[in-house]
Amino acid sequence: MASIDRLTSTGLPVAWHVSTRSGNGGGNCVEAGPVLDGSGRFAVRDSKDRSGPVLVYAATDWRTFLTGLRTDRLA
């Protein structure tokens, strides 16, 4: 389930999704989601520090990253 956070550190509205690989152990947790401004950008943050820094990627860069993950090029 996505959560929309209108008050990120960037001031951008984002539909956040918790990574399915984060687990429930309180370890390394990541949230990512599309920026809801029509730009196609994606944002990433540490779910343990939701008011902390947010990384924002251009749509093409995010697709390249996901392709690398799916094809095991980022090992």
PDB file of N, CA and C in Angstrom:
ATOM      1  N   MET A   1       0.832  -1.172   0.000  1.00  0.00           N
ATOM      2  CA  MET A   1       0.000   0.000   0.000  1.00  0.00           C
ATOM      3  C   MET A   1       0.884   1.245   0.000  1.00  0.00           C
ATOM      4  N   ALA A   2       0.524   2.203  -0.804  1.00  0.00           N
ATOM      5  CA  ALA A   2       1.292   3.446  -0.904  1.00  0.00           C
ATOM      6  C   ALA A   2       0.790   4.454   0.113  1.00  0.00           C
ATOM      7  N   SER A   3       1.709   5.291   0.556  1.00  0.00           N
ATOM      8  CA  SER A   3       1.311   6.414   1.401  1.00  0.00           C
ATOM      9  C   SER A   3       1.815   7.682   0.747  1.00  0.00           C
ATOM     10  N   ILE A   4       0.962   8.692   0.687  1.00  0.00           N
ATOM     11  CA  ILE A   4       1.357   9.964   0.089  1.00  0.00           C
ATOM     12  C   ILE A   4       1.823  10.883   1.204  1.00  0.00           C
ATOM     13  N   ASP A   5       3.045  11.352   1.084  1.00  0.00           N
ATOM     14  CA  ASP A   5       3.637  12.225   2.081  1.00  0.00           C
ATOM     15  C   ASP A   5       3.836  13.588   1.430  1.00  0.00           C
ATOM     16  N   ARG A   6       3.025  14.529   1.766  1.00  0.00           N
ATOM     17  CA  ARG A   6       3.092  15.845   1.133  1.00  0.00           C
ATOM     18  C   ARG A   6       4.197  16.720   1.710  1.00  0.00           C
ATOM     19  N   LEU A   7       4.826  16.290   2.782  1.00  0.00           N
ATOM     20  CA  LEU A   7       5.814  17.131   3.437  1.00  0.00           C
ATOM     21  C   LEU A   7       7.171  16.433   3.528  1.00  0.00           C
ATOM     22  N   THR A   8       7.659  15.911   2.433  1.00  0.00           N
ATOM     23  CA  THR A   8       8.990  15.323   2.442  1.00  0.00           C
ATOM     24  C   THR A   8      10.014  16.441   2.604  1.00  0.00           C
ATOM     25  N   SER A   9      11.247  16.067   2.840  1.00  0.00           N
ATOM     26  CA  SER A   9      12.292  17.079   2.986  1.00  0.00           C
ATOM     27  C   SER A   9      12.496  17.874   1.694  1.00  0.00           C
ATOM     28  N   THR A  10      12.009  17.340   0.578  1.00  0.00           N
ATOM     29  CA  THR A  10      12.123  18.047  -0.695  1.00  0.00           C
ATOM     30  C   THR A  10      10.903  18.914  -0.976  1.00  0.00           C
ATOM     31  N   GLY A  11       9.839  18.744  -0.181  1.00  0.00           N
ATOM     32  CA  GLY A  11       8.608  19.470  -0.433  1.00  0.00           C
ATOM     33  C   GLY A  11       7.785  18.869  -1.551  1.00  0.00           C
ATOM     34  N   LEU A  12       8.158  17.678  -2.024  1.00  0.00           N
ATOM     35  CA  LEU A  12       7.456  17.025  -3.128  1.00  0.00           C
ATOM     36  C   LEU A  12       6.470  15.983  -2.608  1.00  0.00           C
ATOM     37  N   PRO A  13       5.273  15.905  -3.222  1.00  0.00           N
ATOM     38  CA  PRO A  13       4.358  14.822  -2.878  1.00  0.00           C
ATOM     39  C   PRO A  13       4.821  13.534  -3.564  1.00  0.00           C
ATOM     40  N   VAL A  14       4.884  12.464  -2.789  1.00  0.00           N
ATOM     41  CA  VAL A  14       5.373  11.181  -3.309  1.00  0.00           C
ATOM     42  C   VAL A  14       4.438  10.071  -2.851  1.00  0.00           C
ATOM     43  N   ALA A  15       4.135   9.119  -3.726  1.00  0.00           N
ATOM     44  CA  ALA A  15       3.361   7.928  -3.365  1.00  0.00           C
ATOM     45  C   ALA A  15       4.358   6.858  -2.937  1.00  0.00           C
ATOM     46  N   TRP A  16       4.676   6.814  -1.653  1.00  0.00           N
ATOM     47  CA  TRP A  16       5.717   5.924  -1.132  1.00  0.00           C
ATOM     48  C   TRP A  16       5.271   4.474  -1.094  1.00  0.00           C
ATOM     49  N   HIS A  17       6.210   3.579  -1.423  1.00  0.00           N
ATOM     50  CA  HIS A  17       6.016   2.131  -1.319  1.00  0.00           C
ATOM     51  C   HIS A  17       7.223   1.575  -0.574  1.00  0.00           C
ATOM     52  N   VAL A  18       6.985   0.750   0.444  1.00  0.00           N
ATOM     53  CA  VAL A  18       8.078   0.111   1.167  1.00  0.00           C
ATOM     54  C   VAL A  18       8.575  -1.061   0.334  1.00  0.00           C
ATOM     55  N   SER A  19       9.875  -1.209   0.231  1.00  0.00           N
ATOM     56  CA  SER A  19      10.459  -2.307  -0.522  1.00  0.00           C
ATOM     57  C   SER A  19      10.007  -3.642   0.035  1.00  0.00           C
ATOM     58  N   THR A  20       9.647  -4.570  -0.841  1.00  0.00           N
ATOM     59  CA  THR A  20       9.258  -5.914  -0.408  1.00  0.00           C
ATOM     60  C   THR A  20      10.446  -6.678   0.148  1.00  0.00           C
ATOM     61  N   ARG A  21      11.647  -6.208  -0.113  1.00  0.00           N
ATOM     62  CA  ARG A  21      12.853  -6.868   0.388  1.00  0.00           C
ATOM     63  C   ARG A  21      13.346  -6.279   1.705  1.00  0.00           C
ATOM     64  N   SER A  22      12.632  -5.296   2.227  1.00  0.00           N
ATOM     65  CA  SER A  22      13.055  -4.665   3.472  1.00  0.00           C
ATOM     66  C   SER A  22      12.854  -5.565   4.683  1.00  0.00           C
ATOM     67  N   GLY A  23      11.854  -6.427   4.648  1.00  0.00           N
ATOM     68  CA  GLY A  23      11.594  -7.305   5.781  1.00  0.00           C
ATOM     69  C   GLY A  23      10.982  -6.549   6.941  1.00  0.00           C
ATOM     70  N   ASN A  24      10.807  -7.238   8.047  1.00  0.00           N
ATOM     71  CA  ASN A  24      10.178  -6.634   9.218  1.00  0.00           C
ATOM     72  C   ASN A  24      11.111  -6.571  10.410  1.00  0.00           C
ATOM     73  N   GLY A  25      12.402  -6.787  10.204  1.00  0.00           N
ATOM     74  CA  GLY A  25      13.325  -6.863  11.318  1.00  0.00           C
ATOM     75  C   GLY A  25      13.904  -5.543  11.774  1.00  0.00           C
ATOM     76  N   GLY A  26      13.486  -4.424  11.180  1.00  0.00           N
ATOM     77  CA  GLY A  26      13.997  -3.131  11.600  1.00  0.00           C
ATOM     78  C   GLY A  26      15.394  -2.837  11.068  1.00  0.00           C
ATOM     79  N   GLY A  27      15.844  -3.594  10.091  1.00  0.00           N
ATOM     80  CA  GLY A  27      17.176  -3.387   9.530  1.00  0.00           C
ATOM     81  C   GLY A  27      17.176  -2.341   8.440  1.00  0.00           C
ATOM     82  N   ASN A  28      17.766  -2.675   7.323  1.00  0.00           N
ATOM     83  CA  ASN A  28      17.866  -1.755   6.195  1.00  0.00           C
ATOM     84  C   ASN A  28      16.521  -1.676   5.481  1.00  0.00           C
ATOM     85  N   CYS A  29      15.872  -0.542   5.572  1.00  0.00           N
ATOM     86  CA  CYS A  29      14.548  -0.359   4.979  1.00  0.00           C
ATOM     87  C   CYS A  29      14.574   0.800   4.006  1.00  0.00           C
ATOM     88  N   VAL A  30      13.964   0.581   2.851  1.00  0.00           N
ATOM     89  CA  VAL A  30      13.942   1.603   1.811  1.00  0.00           C
ATOM     90  C   VAL A  30      12.513   1.782   1.338  1.00  0.00           C
ATOM     91  N   GLU A  31      12.141   3.021   1.080  1.00  0.00           N
ATOM     92  CA  GLU A  31      10.876   3.343   0.446  1.00  0.00           C
ATOM     93  C   GLU A  31      11.177   4.081  -0.848  1.00  0.00           C
ATOM     94  N   ALA A  32      10.383   3.806  -1.850  1.00  0.00           N
ATOM     95  CA  ALA A  32      10.536   4.498  -3.127  1.00  0.00           C
ATOM     96  C   ALA A  32       9.150   4.721  -3.698  1.00  0.00           C
ATOM     97  N   GLY A  33       9.037   5.723  -4.552  1.00  0.00           N
ATOM     98  CA  GLY A  33       7.758   5.969  -5.187  1.00  0.00           C
ATOM     99  C   GLY A  33       7.840   7.107  -6.174  1.00  0.00           C
ATOM    100  N   PRO A  34       6.810   7.189  -7.014  1.00  0.00           N
ATOM    101  CA  PRO A  34       6.778   8.262  -8.001  1.00  0.00           C
ATOM    102  C   PRO A  34       6.477   9.608  -7.347  1.00  0.00           C
ATOM    103  N   VAL A  35       7.138  10.632  -7.849  1.00  0.00           N
ATOM    104  CA  VAL A  35       6.839  12.003  -7.442  1.00  0.00           C
ATOM    105  C   VAL A  35       5.547  12.386  -8.163  1.00  0.00           C
ATOM    106  N   LEU A  36       4.582  12.888  -7.423  1.00  0.00           N
ATOM    107  CA  LEU A  36       3.247  13.141  -7.966  1.00  0.00           C
ATOM    108  C   LEU A  36       3.116  14.549  -8.541  1.00  0.00           C
ATOM    109  N   ASP A  37       4.055  14.892  -9.419  1.00  0.00           N
ATOM    110  CA  ASP A  37       4.004  16.211 -10.053  1.00  0.00           C
ATOM    111  C   ASP A  37       3.984  16.118 -11.576  1.00  0.00           C
ATOM    112  N   GLY A  38       3.815  14.877 -12.094  1.00  0.00           N
ATOM    113  CA  GLY A  38       3.755  14.685 -13.539  1.00  0.00           C
ATOM    114  C   GLY A  38       5.101  14.641 -14.231  1.00  0.00           C
ATOM    115  N   SER A  39       6.196  14.709 -13.477  1.00  0.00           N
ATOM    116  CA  SER A  39       7.537  14.742 -14.076  1.00  0.00           C
ATOM    117  C   SER A  39       8.072  13.362 -14.427  1.00  0.00           C
ATOM    118  N   GLY A  40       7.485  12.309 -13.846  1.00  0.00           N
ATOM    119  CA  GLY A  40       7.994  10.959 -14.065  1.00  0.00           C
ATOM    120  C   GLY A  40       9.156  10.600 -13.156  1.00  0.00           C
ATOM    121  N   ARG A  41       9.557  11.518 -12.276  1.00  0.00           N
ATOM    122  CA  ARG A  41      10.680  11.254 -11.379  1.00  0.00           C
ATOM    123  C   ARG A  41      10.284  10.276 -10.278  1.00  0.00           C
ATOM    124  N   PHE A  42      11.305   9.638  -9.685  1.00  0.00           N
ATOM    125  CA  PHE A  42      11.104   8.726  -8.560  1.00  0.00           C
ATOM    126  C   PHE A  42      11.943   9.179  -7.386  1.00  0.00           C
ATOM    127  N   ALA A  43      11.385   9.013  -6.202  1.00  0.00           N
ATOM    128  CA  ALA A  43      12.073   9.400  -4.975  1.00  0.00           C
ATOM    129  C   ALA A  43      12.384   8.164  -4.145  1.00  0.00           C
ATOM    130  N   VAL A  44      13.471   8.228  -3.373  1.00  0.00           N
ATOM    131  CA  VAL A  44      13.903   7.130  -2.503  1.00  0.00           C
ATOM    132  C   VAL A  44      14.282   7.726  -1.157  1.00  0.00           C
ATOM    133  N   ARG A  45      13.906   7.027  -0.072  1.00  0.00           N
ATOM    134  CA  ARG A  45      14.276   7.480   1.265  1.00  0.00           C
ATOM    135  C   ARG A  45      14.432   6.282   2.202  1.00  0.00           C
ATOM    136  N   ASP A  46      15.048   6.523   3.321  1.00  0.00           N
ATOM    137  CA  ASP A  46      15.193   5.543   4.391  1.00  0.00           C
ATOM    138  C   ASP A  46      13.893   5.547   5.178  1.00  0.00           C
ATOM    139  N   SER A  47      13.209   4.401   5.245  1.00  0.00           N
ATOM    140  CA  SER A  47      11.918   4.377   5.924  1.00  0.00           C
ATOM    141  C   SER A  47      12.037   4.543   7.436  1.00  0.00           C
ATOM    142  N   LYS A  48      13.236   4.393   7.976  1.00  0.00           N
ATOM    143  CA  LYS A  48      13.438   4.616   9.408  1.00  0.00           C
ATOM    144  C   LYS A  48      13.637   6.100   9.719  1.00  0.00           C
ATOM    145  N   ASP A  49      13.857   6.913   8.680  1.00  0.00           N
ATOM    146  CA  ASP A  49      14.088   8.352   8.852  1.00  0.00           C
ATOM    147  C   ASP A  49      13.253   9.101   7.820  1.00  0.00           C
ATOM    148  N   ARG A  50      11.952   9.022   7.970  1.00  0.00           N
ATOM    149  CA  ARG A  50      11.046   9.572   6.960  1.00  0.00           C
ATOM    150  C   ARG A  50      11.111  11.081   6.820  1.00  0.00           C
ATOM    151  N   SER A  51      11.646  11.761   7.790  1.00  0.00           N
ATOM    152  CA  SER A  51      11.794  13.215   7.655  1.00  0.00           C
ATOM    153  C   SER A  51      13.192  13.591   7.181  1.00  0.00           C
ATOM    154  N   GLY A  52      14.006  12.588   6.920  1.00  0.00           N
ATOM    155  CA  GLY A  52      15.379  12.812   6.486  1.00  0.00           C
ATOM    156  C   GLY A  52      15.493  13.065   4.995  1.00  0.00           C
ATOM    157  N   PRO A  53      16.702  12.918   4.473  1.00  0.00           N
ATOM    158  CA  PRO A  53      16.959  13.208   3.063  1.00  0.00           C
ATOM    159  C   PRO A  53      16.187  12.302   2.117  1.00  0.00           C
ATOM    160  N   VAL A  54      15.871  12.846   0.958  1.00  0.00           N
ATOM    161  CA  VAL A  54      15.180  12.127  -0.111  1.00  0.00           C
ATOM    162  C   VAL A  54      16.017  12.259  -1.369  1.00  0.00           C
ATOM    163  N   LEU A  55      16.296  11.130  -1.999  1.00  0.00           N
ATOM    164  CA  LEU A  55      16.992  11.147  -3.293  1.00  0.00           C
ATOM    165  C   LEU A  55      15.931  11.136  -4.385  1.00  0.00           C
ATOM    166  N   VAL A  56      16.077  11.992  -5.381  1.00  0.00           N
ATOM    167  CA  VAL A  56      15.111  12.074  -6.473  1.00  0.00           C
ATOM    168  C   VAL A  56      15.839  11.787  -7.780  1.00  0.00           C
ATOM    169  N   TYR A  57      15.296  10.830  -8.538  1.00  0.00           N
ATOM    170  CA  TYR A  57      15.912  10.390  -9.789  1.00  0.00           C
ATOM    171  C   TYR A  57      15.009  10.691 -10.977  1.00  0.00           C
ATOM    172  N   ALA A  58      15.622  11.040 -12.088  1.00  0.00           N
ATOM    173  CA  ALA A  58      14.885  11.191 -13.343  1.00  0.00           C
ATOM    174  C   ALA A  58      14.313   9.828 -13.737  1.00  0.00           C
ATOM    175  N   ALA A  59      13.204   9.829 -14.448  1.00  0.00           N
ATOM    176  CA  ALA A  59      12.539   8.582 -14.827  1.00  0.00           C
ATOM    177  C   ALA A  59      13.482   7.640 -15.578  1.00  0.00           C
ATOM    178  N   THR A  60      14.283   8.165 -16.483  1.00  0.00           N
ATOM    179  CA  THR A  60      15.192   7.302 -17.253  1.00  0.00           C
ATOM    180  C   THR A  60      16.258   6.675 -16.361  1.00  0.00           C
ATOM    181  N   ASP A  61      16.766   7.435 -15.397  1.00  0.00           N
ATOM    182  CA  ASP A  61      17.765   6.894 -14.476  1.00  0.00           C
ATOM    183  C   ASP A  61      17.162   5.807 -13.594  1.00  0.00           C
ATOM    184  N   TRP A  62      15.932   6.007 -13.145  1.00  0.00           N
ATOM    185  CA  TRP A  62      15.265   5.009 -12.299  1.00  0.00           C
ATOM    186  C   TRP A  62      15.026   3.719 -13.079  1.00  0.00           C
ATOM    187  N   ARG A  63      14.583   3.842 -14.344  1.00  0.00           N
ATOM    188  CA  ARG A  63      14.375   2.646 -15.182  1.00  0.00           C
ATOM    189  C   ARG A  63      15.680   1.907 -15.411  1.00  0.00           C
ATOM    190  N   THR A  64      16.769   2.638 -15.627  1.00  0.00           N
ATOM    191  CA  THR A  64      18.075   2.014 -15.821  1.00  0.00           C
ATOM    192  C   THR A  64      18.493   1.259 -14.566  1.00  0.00           C
ATOM    193  N   PHE A  65      18.282   1.851 -13.397  1.00  0.00           N
ATOM    194  CA  PHE A  65      18.592   1.198 -12.133  1.00  0.00           C
ATOM    195  C   PHE A  65      17.783  -0.090 -11.972  1.00  0.00           C
ATOM    196  N   LEU A  66      16.468  -0.027 -12.210  1.00  0.00           N
ATOM    197  CA  LEU A  66      15.627  -1.211 -12.066  1.00  0.00           C
ATOM    198  C   LEU A  66      16.008  -2.308 -13.051  1.00  0.00           C
ATOM    199  N   THR A  67      16.359  -1.930 -14.264  1.00  0.00           N
ATOM    200  CA  THR A  67      16.811  -2.913 -15.247  1.00  0.00           C
ATOM    201  C   THR A  67      18.081  -3.589 -14.775  1.00  0.00           C
ATOM    202  N   GLY A  68      19.002  -2.824 -14.222  1.00  0.00           N
ATOM    203  CA  GLY A  68      20.225  -3.394 -13.673  1.00  0.00           C
ATOM    204  C   GLY A  68      19.957  -4.384 -12.557  1.00  0.00           C
ATOM    205  N   LEU A  69      19.002  -4.070 -11.692  1.00  0.00           N
ATOM    206  CA  LEU A  69      18.629  -4.994 -10.617  1.00  0.00           C
ATOM    207  C   LEU A  69      18.046  -6.290 -11.173  1.00  0.00           C
ATOM    208  N   ARG A  70      17.131  -6.130 -12.117  1.00  0.00           N
ATOM    209  CA  ARG A  70      16.429  -7.320 -12.671  1.00  0.00           C
ATOM    210  C   ARG A  70      17.359  -8.218 -13.472  1.00  0.00           C
ATOM    211  N   THR A  71      18.372  -7.643 -14.070  1.00  0.00           N
ATOM    212  CA  THR A  71      19.283  -8.449 -14.904  1.00  0.00           C
ATOM    213  C   THR A  71      20.575  -8.800 -14.161  1.00  0.00           C
ATOM    214  N   ASP A  72      20.592  -8.529 -12.849  1.00  0.00           N
ATOM    215  CA  ASP A  72      21.706  -8.896 -11.973  1.00  0.00           C
ATOM    216  C   ASP A  72      23.011  -8.227 -12.394  1.00  0.00           C
ATOM    217  N   ARG A  73      22.941  -7.014 -12.893  1.00  0.00           N
ATOM    218  CA  ARG A  73      24.151  -6.274 -13.303  1.00  0.00           C
ATOM    219  C   ARG A  73      24.713  -5.412 -12.190  1.00  0.00           C
ATOM    220  N   LEU A  74      24.049  -5.372 -11.051  1.00  0.00           N
ATOM    221  CA  LEU A  74      24.481  -4.509  -9.966  1.00  0.00           C
ATOM    222  C   LEU A  74      25.049  -5.299  -8.789  1.00  0.00           C
ATOM    223  N   ALA A  75      25.467  -6.507  -9.037  1.00  0.00           N
ATOM    224  CA  ALA A  75      25.973  -7.358  -7.942  1.00  0.00           C
ATOM    225  C   ALA A  75      27.288  -6.860  -7.412  1.00  0.00           C
TER     226      ALA A  75
END
